[in-house]
N, C-alpha and C. Protein backbone atom coordinates (compact mmCIF):
# COMPACT_ATOMS: atom_id res chain seq x y z
N UNK A 1 -19.38 17.06 -2.39
CA UNK A 1 -19.69 17.44 -1.03
C UNK A 1 -18.50 17.15 -0.14
N UNK A 2 -18.12 18.07 0.70
CA UNK A 2 -16.98 17.90 1.58
C UNK A 2 -17.46 17.40 2.93
N UNK A 3 -17.02 16.22 3.30
CA UNK A 3 -17.41 15.61 4.57
C UNK A 3 -16.30 15.74 5.60
N UNK A 4 -15.59 16.84 5.59
CA UNK A 4 -14.44 16.98 6.47
C UNK A 4 -14.82 16.88 7.94
N UNK A 5 -16.08 17.15 8.30
CA UNK A 5 -16.50 17.04 9.69
C UNK A 5 -17.06 15.66 10.00
N UNK A 6 -17.30 14.86 8.99
CA UNK A 6 -17.79 13.51 9.20
C UNK A 6 -16.62 12.62 9.56
N UNK A 7 -16.73 11.83 10.64
CA UNK A 7 -15.63 10.95 11.01
C UNK A 7 -15.22 10.03 9.86
N UNK A 8 -13.92 9.81 9.73
CA UNK A 8 -13.41 8.94 8.68
C UNK A 8 -13.59 7.47 9.02
N UNK A 9 -13.62 7.14 10.30
CA UNK A 9 -13.77 5.74 10.72
C UNK A 9 -12.81 4.83 9.95
N UNK A 10 -11.53 5.15 10.00
CA UNK A 10 -10.53 4.35 9.30
C UNK A 10 -10.29 3.06 10.08
N UNK A 11 -10.29 1.95 9.35
CA UNK A 11 -10.05 0.66 10.00
C UNK A 11 -9.22 -0.24 9.10
N UNK A 12 -8.44 -1.08 9.75
CA UNK A 12 -7.71 -2.15 9.06
C UNK A 12 -8.30 -3.44 9.60
N UNK A 13 -8.75 -4.29 8.68
CA UNK A 13 -9.33 -5.57 9.07
C UNK A 13 -8.46 -6.69 8.54
N UNK A 14 -8.35 -7.75 9.30
CA UNK A 14 -7.55 -8.89 8.86
C UNK A 14 -7.71 -10.07 9.79
N UNK A 15 -6.78 -10.99 9.63
CA UNK A 15 -6.85 -12.24 10.39
C UNK A 15 -6.08 -12.18 11.69
N UNK A 16 -5.34 -11.10 11.91
CA UNK A 16 -4.51 -11.01 13.11
C UNK A 16 -3.07 -11.39 12.83
N UNK A 17 -2.75 -11.58 11.57
CA UNK A 17 -1.39 -12.00 11.18
C UNK A 17 -0.42 -10.81 11.25
N UNK A 18 0.88 -11.08 11.24
CA UNK A 18 1.87 -9.99 11.28
C UNK A 18 1.73 -9.00 10.12
N UNK A 19 1.34 -9.45 8.95
CA UNK A 19 1.17 -8.56 7.80
C UNK A 19 0.05 -7.56 8.06
N UNK A 20 -1.05 -8.03 8.60
CA UNK A 20 -2.18 -7.14 8.90
C UNK A 20 -1.80 -6.14 9.98
N UNK A 21 -1.08 -6.60 10.99
CA UNK A 21 -0.65 -5.71 12.06
C UNK A 21 0.31 -4.65 11.53
N UNK A 22 1.19 -5.04 10.62
CA UNK A 22 2.13 -4.09 10.04
C UNK A 22 1.38 -3.02 9.24
N UNK A 23 0.38 -3.44 8.45
CA UNK A 23 -0.39 -2.48 7.68
C UNK A 23 -1.11 -1.51 8.62
N UNK A 24 -1.62 -2.01 9.72
CA UNK A 24 -2.28 -1.14 10.69
C UNK A 24 -1.32 -0.04 11.17
N UNK A 25 -0.09 -0.41 11.46
CA UNK A 25 0.90 0.57 11.90
C UNK A 25 1.19 1.61 10.81
N UNK A 26 1.28 1.16 9.56
CA UNK A 26 1.53 2.07 8.44
C UNK A 26 0.36 3.04 8.28
N UNK A 27 -0.86 2.52 8.36
CA UNK A 27 -2.05 3.38 8.22
C UNK A 27 -2.11 4.39 9.36
N UNK A 28 -1.79 3.96 10.58
CA UNK A 28 -1.77 4.89 11.71
C UNK A 28 -0.76 6.02 11.48
N UNK A 29 0.42 5.67 11.00
CA UNK A 29 1.44 6.70 10.74
C UNK A 29 0.98 7.66 9.64
N UNK A 30 0.38 7.11 8.59
CA UNK A 30 -0.10 7.96 7.49
C UNK A 30 -1.16 8.94 8.01
N UNK A 31 -2.09 8.45 8.81
CA UNK A 31 -3.14 9.32 9.35
C UNK A 31 -2.54 10.39 10.26
N UNK A 32 -1.60 10.01 11.10
CA UNK A 32 -0.96 10.98 12.00
C UNK A 32 -0.25 12.07 11.20
N UNK A 33 0.46 11.67 10.15
CA UNK A 33 1.18 12.64 9.33
C UNK A 33 0.24 13.61 8.63
N UNK A 34 -1.01 13.19 8.42
CA UNK A 34 -2.01 14.06 7.82
C UNK A 34 -2.75 14.89 8.88
N UNK A 35 -2.39 14.71 10.13
CA UNK A 35 -3.02 15.48 11.20
C UNK A 35 -4.35 14.92 11.65
N UNK A 36 -4.63 13.69 11.30
CA UNK A 36 -5.90 13.07 11.69
C UNK A 36 -5.75 12.52 13.11
N UNK A 37 -6.63 12.95 13.98
CA UNK A 37 -6.52 12.55 15.38
C UNK A 37 -7.43 11.36 15.74
N UNK A 38 -8.30 10.98 14.83
CA UNK A 38 -9.15 9.82 15.07
C UNK A 38 -8.30 8.56 15.23
N UNK A 39 -8.81 7.67 16.04
CA UNK A 39 -8.15 6.37 16.18
C UNK A 39 -8.31 5.58 14.88
N UNK A 40 -7.24 4.94 14.45
CA UNK A 40 -7.31 3.99 13.33
C UNK A 40 -7.50 2.62 13.97
N UNK A 41 -8.68 2.07 13.78
CA UNK A 41 -9.01 0.80 14.44
C UNK A 41 -8.39 -0.39 13.73
N UNK A 42 -8.11 -1.43 14.50
CA UNK A 42 -7.64 -2.70 13.95
C UNK A 42 -8.65 -3.76 14.37
N UNK A 43 -9.20 -4.45 13.38
CA UNK A 43 -10.24 -5.44 13.63
C UNK A 43 -9.75 -6.80 13.13
N UNK A 44 -9.22 -7.62 14.04
CA UNK A 44 -8.69 -8.93 13.64
C UNK A 44 -9.79 -10.00 13.65
N UNK A 45 -10.75 -9.83 12.77
CA UNK A 45 -11.91 -10.74 12.74
C UNK A 45 -12.26 -11.06 11.29
N UNK A 46 -11.94 -12.26 10.88
CA UNK A 46 -12.15 -12.66 9.49
C UNK A 46 -13.64 -12.61 9.13
N UNK A 47 -14.53 -12.79 10.11
CA UNK A 47 -15.97 -12.71 9.83
C UNK A 47 -16.35 -11.31 9.38
N UNK A 48 -15.72 -10.29 9.99
CA UNK A 48 -15.99 -8.91 9.58
C UNK A 48 -15.48 -8.66 8.15
N UNK A 49 -14.35 -9.26 7.82
CA UNK A 49 -13.80 -9.14 6.46
C UNK A 49 -14.79 -9.74 5.46
N UNK A 50 -15.28 -10.92 5.76
CA UNK A 50 -16.22 -11.60 4.86
C UNK A 50 -17.51 -10.80 4.69
N UNK A 51 -17.95 -10.10 5.74
CA UNK A 51 -19.15 -9.27 5.63
C UNK A 51 -18.97 -8.16 4.59
N UNK A 52 -17.72 -7.74 4.39
CA UNK A 52 -17.44 -6.70 3.41
C UNK A 52 -17.45 -7.23 1.98
N UNK A 53 -17.51 -8.55 1.83
CA UNK A 53 -17.56 -9.15 0.50
C UNK A 53 -16.20 -9.28 -0.16
N UNK A 54 -15.13 -9.20 0.62
CA UNK A 54 -13.80 -9.36 0.06
C UNK A 54 -13.20 -10.67 0.56
N UNK A 55 -12.25 -11.18 -0.20
CA UNK A 55 -11.64 -12.46 0.14
C UNK A 55 -10.15 -12.35 0.39
N UNK A 56 -9.61 -11.15 0.28
CA UNK A 56 -8.18 -10.97 0.45
C UNK A 56 -7.94 -10.01 1.61
N UNK A 57 -7.02 -10.37 2.49
CA UNK A 57 -6.69 -9.50 3.62
C UNK A 57 -5.25 -9.05 3.49
N UNK A 58 -4.92 -8.01 4.17
CA UNK A 58 -5.74 -7.14 4.99
C UNK A 58 -6.61 -6.21 4.15
N UNK A 59 -7.55 -5.57 4.82
CA UNK A 59 -8.50 -4.66 4.17
C UNK A 59 -8.43 -3.31 4.90
N UNK A 60 -8.43 -2.22 4.13
CA UNK A 60 -8.54 -0.89 4.73
C UNK A 60 -9.91 -0.35 4.34
N UNK A 61 -10.62 0.15 5.36
CA UNK A 61 -11.90 0.80 5.10
C UNK A 61 -11.85 2.23 5.61
N UNK A 62 -12.52 3.11 4.88
CA UNK A 62 -12.70 4.50 5.31
C UNK A 62 -14.19 4.79 5.18
N UNK A 63 -14.78 5.23 6.28
CA UNK A 63 -16.24 5.46 6.34
C UNK A 63 -17.02 4.22 5.90
N UNK A 64 -16.51 3.05 6.25
CA UNK A 64 -17.19 1.80 5.95
C UNK A 64 -17.00 1.30 4.53
N UNK A 65 -16.29 2.05 3.71
CA UNK A 65 -16.08 1.68 2.31
C UNK A 65 -14.69 1.05 2.15
N UNK A 66 -14.63 -0.08 1.47
CA UNK A 66 -13.35 -0.74 1.21
C UNK A 66 -12.55 0.12 0.24
N UNK A 67 -11.33 0.52 0.65
CA UNK A 67 -10.49 1.33 -0.22
C UNK A 67 -9.21 0.61 -0.64
N UNK A 68 -8.86 -0.49 0.04
CA UNK A 68 -7.67 -1.25 -0.34
C UNK A 68 -7.78 -2.66 0.22
N UNK A 69 -7.39 -3.63 -0.60
CA UNK A 69 -7.32 -5.01 -0.12
C UNK A 69 -5.95 -5.56 -0.46
N UNK A 70 -5.49 -6.48 0.36
CA UNK A 70 -4.20 -7.13 0.12
C UNK A 70 -3.03 -6.27 0.58
N UNK A 71 -1.86 -6.86 0.53
CA UNK A 71 -0.65 -6.19 0.99
C UNK A 71 0.44 -6.48 -0.02
N UNK A 72 0.62 -5.55 -0.95
CA UNK A 72 1.65 -5.73 -1.98
C UNK A 72 3.03 -5.53 -1.37
N UNK A 73 3.98 -6.26 -1.90
CA UNK A 73 5.35 -6.09 -1.47
C UNK A 73 5.89 -4.84 -2.15
N UNK A 74 6.07 -3.81 -1.38
CA UNK A 74 6.61 -2.55 -1.87
C UNK A 74 7.23 -1.84 -0.69
N UNK A 75 8.08 -0.86 -0.94
CA UNK A 75 8.68 -0.15 0.19
C UNK A 75 7.62 0.46 1.10
N UNK A 76 7.87 0.42 2.39
CA UNK A 76 6.90 0.91 3.36
C UNK A 76 6.54 2.38 3.12
N UNK A 77 7.52 3.18 2.76
CA UNK A 77 7.27 4.61 2.52
C UNK A 77 6.30 4.80 1.35
N UNK A 78 6.46 4.01 0.29
CA UNK A 78 5.55 4.10 -0.86
C UNK A 78 4.14 3.70 -0.46
N UNK A 79 4.03 2.67 0.34
CA UNK A 79 2.71 2.22 0.79
C UNK A 79 2.06 3.32 1.65
N UNK A 80 2.83 3.92 2.54
CA UNK A 80 2.30 4.98 3.40
C UNK A 80 1.81 6.15 2.56
N UNK A 81 2.55 6.54 1.54
CA UNK A 81 2.14 7.65 0.68
C UNK A 81 0.86 7.31 -0.08
N UNK A 82 0.74 6.06 -0.54
CA UNK A 82 -0.49 5.63 -1.23
C UNK A 82 -1.69 5.69 -0.28
N UNK A 83 -1.48 5.29 0.96
CA UNK A 83 -2.56 5.32 1.95
C UNK A 83 -2.95 6.77 2.25
N UNK A 84 -1.97 7.65 2.32
CA UNK A 84 -2.28 9.07 2.53
C UNK A 84 -3.18 9.59 1.42
N UNK A 85 -2.90 9.20 0.18
CA UNK A 85 -3.74 9.65 -0.94
C UNK A 85 -5.17 9.12 -0.79
N UNK A 86 -5.33 7.89 -0.33
CA UNK A 86 -6.67 7.33 -0.11
C UNK A 86 -7.42 8.12 0.97
N UNK A 87 -6.71 8.45 2.04
CA UNK A 87 -7.35 9.19 3.13
C UNK A 87 -7.75 10.58 2.65
N UNK A 88 -6.84 11.25 1.95
CA UNK A 88 -7.14 12.59 1.45
C UNK A 88 -8.34 12.57 0.50
N UNK A 89 -8.40 11.56 -0.36
CA UNK A 89 -9.52 11.46 -1.29
C UNK A 89 -10.83 11.30 -0.52
N UNK A 90 -10.81 10.55 0.57
CA UNK A 90 -12.02 10.34 1.37
C UNK A 90 -12.45 11.64 2.05
N UNK A 91 -11.50 12.48 2.40
CA UNK A 91 -11.88 13.73 3.08
C UNK A 91 -12.49 14.72 2.09
N UNK A 92 -12.28 14.50 0.82
CA UNK A 92 -12.81 15.42 -0.21
C UNK A 92 -14.14 14.97 -0.78
N UNK A 93 -14.58 13.78 -0.41
CA UNK A 93 -15.87 13.27 -0.94
C UNK A 93 -17.03 14.02 -0.35
């Protein structure tokens, strides 16, 4: 089923640390490059992270579903491309 009209509700959740903020910026750029005009939210609330049942931050959610946890050390461009693939996969569900 294609949910292209259903909002993606992309969010980055974390503790408010520089790593989480950096991931938020990368996710925003990836979404913009895909032509997504929705706001990519940043939620610096560890309680919200724990509600998702994960213990590693930062967390990326799309439509409320956890699609990535943690922040691997890799080139920013590679991370952005990986995030684009996650977003595209969500638009095809």
